[in-house]
């Protein structure tokens, strides 16, 4: 029965590690997409003609 009592704490640690892993993946994805979006907007803005005064 000691094994059953300790499994709750082990499960909590596993969920915590899984949550941290998901957070790291989401942060990396948002950073990557943000950089690509910034590059795309920079490319578009430099290719557009400048307005005349």
N, C-alpha and C. Protein backbone atom coordinates (compact mmCIF):
# COMPACT_ATOMS: atom_id res chain seq x y z
N UNK A 1 0.81 -1.20 0.00
CA UNK A 1 0.00 0.00 0.00
C UNK A 1 0.85 1.26 0.00
N UNK A 2 2.09 1.17 0.40
CA UNK A 2 2.97 2.33 0.40
C UNK A 2 3.20 2.83 -1.02
N UNK A 3 3.25 1.93 -1.97
CA UNK A 3 3.45 2.31 -3.37
C UNK A 3 2.28 3.15 -3.86
N UNK A 4 1.07 2.81 -3.48
CA UNK A 4 -0.10 3.56 -3.92
C UNK A 4 -0.11 4.97 -3.35
N UNK A 5 0.33 5.14 -2.13
CA UNK A 5 0.35 6.47 -1.52
C UNK A 5 1.40 7.37 -2.18
N UNK A 6 2.51 6.84 -2.57
CA UNK A 6 3.57 7.63 -3.18
C UNK A 6 3.30 7.95 -4.64
N UNK A 7 2.39 7.24 -5.27
CA UNK A 7 2.15 7.48 -6.70
C UNK A 7 1.46 8.82 -6.95
N UNK A 8 0.73 9.34 -5.98
CA UNK A 8 0.08 10.64 -6.17
C UNK A 8 1.12 11.75 -6.29
N UNK A 9 2.11 11.72 -5.45
CA UNK A 9 3.18 12.72 -5.53
C UNK A 9 3.99 12.58 -6.81
N UNK A 10 4.22 11.36 -7.21
CA UNK A 10 4.95 11.11 -8.44
C UNK A 10 4.16 11.62 -9.64
N UNK A 11 2.87 11.40 -9.65
CA UNK A 11 2.03 11.88 -10.75
C UNK A 11 2.03 13.40 -10.80
N UNK A 12 2.00 14.05 -9.66
CA UNK A 12 2.03 15.51 -9.61
C UNK A 12 3.33 16.04 -10.20
N UNK A 13 4.44 15.40 -9.88
CA UNK A 13 5.73 15.81 -10.43
C UNK A 13 5.75 15.60 -11.94
N UNK A 14 5.22 14.49 -12.40
CA UNK A 14 5.17 14.22 -13.85
C UNK A 14 4.32 15.26 -14.57
N UNK A 15 3.19 15.62 -14.01
CA UNK A 15 2.35 16.66 -14.62
C UNK A 15 3.07 18.01 -14.62
N UNK A 16 3.79 18.29 -13.56
CA UNK A 16 4.55 19.54 -13.50
C UNK A 16 5.63 19.59 -14.57
N UNK A 17 6.35 18.50 -14.74
CA UNK A 17 7.39 18.44 -15.78
C UNK A 17 6.78 18.55 -17.17
N UNK A 18 5.64 17.92 -17.37
CA UNK A 18 4.95 18.00 -18.66
C UNK A 18 4.50 19.43 -18.93
N UNK A 19 4.00 20.10 -17.92
CA UNK A 19 3.57 21.49 -18.07
C UNK A 19 4.75 22.40 -18.41
N UNK A 20 5.88 22.18 -17.77
CA UNK A 20 7.08 22.97 -18.07
C UNK A 20 7.53 22.72 -19.50
N UNK A 21 7.51 21.48 -19.94
CA UNK A 21 7.90 21.15 -21.30
C UNK A 21 6.99 21.82 -22.32
N UNK A 22 5.69 21.80 -22.08
CA UNK A 22 4.74 22.45 -22.97
C UNK A 22 4.98 23.95 -23.00
N UNK A 23 5.24 24.55 -21.85
CA UNK A 23 5.50 25.99 -21.79
C UNK A 23 6.75 26.36 -22.58
N UNK A 24 7.80 25.56 -22.47
CA UNK A 24 9.03 25.83 -23.22
C UNK A 24 8.78 25.74 -24.72
N UNK A 25 8.02 24.74 -25.14
CA UNK A 25 7.71 24.58 -26.57
C UNK A 25 6.88 25.76 -27.07
N UNK A 26 5.90 26.19 -26.29
CA UNK A 26 5.06 27.32 -26.70
C UNK A 26 5.89 28.60 -26.79
N UNK A 27 6.75 28.84 -25.83
CA UNK A 27 7.60 30.04 -25.86
C UNK A 27 8.52 30.01 -27.07
N UNK A 28 9.10 28.86 -27.36
CA UNK A 28 9.98 28.74 -28.52
C UNK A 28 9.21 28.98 -29.82
N UNK A 29 8.00 28.44 -29.91
CA UNK A 29 7.19 28.61 -31.11
C UNK A 29 6.78 30.06 -31.30
N UNK A 30 6.38 30.72 -30.25
CA UNK A 30 5.97 32.13 -30.34
C UNK A 30 7.17 33.00 -30.74
N UNK A 31 8.33 32.72 -30.19
CA UNK A 31 9.53 33.47 -30.54
C UNK A 31 9.88 33.27 -32.02
N UNK A 32 9.82 32.03 -32.48
CA UNK A 32 10.14 31.72 -33.87
C UNK A 32 9.16 32.40 -34.82
N UNK A 33 7.88 32.29 -34.54
CA UNK A 33 6.86 32.90 -35.40
C UNK A 33 6.98 34.42 -35.36
N UNK A 34 7.29 34.98 -34.21
CA UNK A 34 7.46 36.42 -34.09
C UNK A 34 8.62 36.93 -34.94
N UNK A 35 9.72 36.20 -34.94
CA UNK A 35 10.86 36.60 -35.75
C UNK A 35 10.54 36.50 -37.23
N UNK A 36 9.86 35.44 -37.63
CA UNK A 36 9.49 35.28 -39.04
C UNK A 36 8.51 36.37 -39.47
N UNK A 37 7.58 36.72 -38.60
CA UNK A 37 6.62 37.78 -38.92
C UNK A 37 7.32 39.12 -39.04
N UNK A 38 8.25 39.39 -38.15
CA UNK A 38 9.01 40.63 -38.21
C UNK A 38 9.80 40.72 -39.51
N UNK A 39 10.44 39.63 -39.90
CA UNK A 39 11.19 39.60 -41.15
C UNK A 39 10.27 39.82 -42.34
N UNK A 40 9.10 39.21 -42.32
CA UNK A 40 8.15 39.36 -43.41
C UNK A 40 7.70 40.81 -43.55
N UNK A 41 7.33 41.45 -42.44
CA UNK A 41 6.89 42.85 -42.49
C UNK A 41 8.03 43.77 -42.92
N UNK A 42 9.25 43.49 -42.50
CA UNK A 42 10.39 44.30 -42.92
C UNK A 42 10.62 44.18 -44.43
N UNK A 43 10.51 42.97 -44.95
CA UNK A 43 10.67 42.75 -46.38
C UNK A 43 9.60 43.47 -47.17
N UNK A 44 8.37 43.39 -46.70
CA UNK A 44 7.26 44.06 -47.39
C UNK A 44 7.44 45.57 -47.34
N UNK A 45 7.81 46.11 -46.19
CA UNK A 45 7.92 47.56 -46.08
C UNK A 45 9.07 48.12 -46.91
N UNK A 46 10.14 47.37 -47.07
CA UNK A 46 11.24 47.86 -47.91
C UNK A 46 10.93 47.73 -49.40
N UNK A 47 10.05 46.82 -49.77
CA UNK A 47 9.73 46.65 -51.18
C UNK A 47 8.65 47.61 -51.66
N UNK A 48 7.93 48.23 -50.75
CA UNK A 48 6.90 49.20 -51.15
C UNK A 48 7.56 50.53 -51.52
N UNK A 49 6.99 51.22 -52.50
CA UNK A 49 7.56 52.52 -52.86
C UNK A 49 7.32 53.54 -51.76
N UNK A 50 8.27 54.45 -51.61
CA UNK A 50 8.14 55.50 -50.61
C UNK A 50 7.14 56.55 -51.10
N UNK A 51 6.33 57.09 -50.21
CA UNK A 51 5.36 58.12 -50.64
C UNK A 51 6.08 59.41 -51.01
N UNK A 52 5.56 60.07 -52.01
CA UNK A 52 6.16 61.35 -52.41
C UNK A 52 5.50 62.49 -51.64
N UNK A 53 6.25 63.53 -51.40
CA UNK A 53 5.73 64.67 -50.64
C UNK A 53 4.97 65.58 -51.52
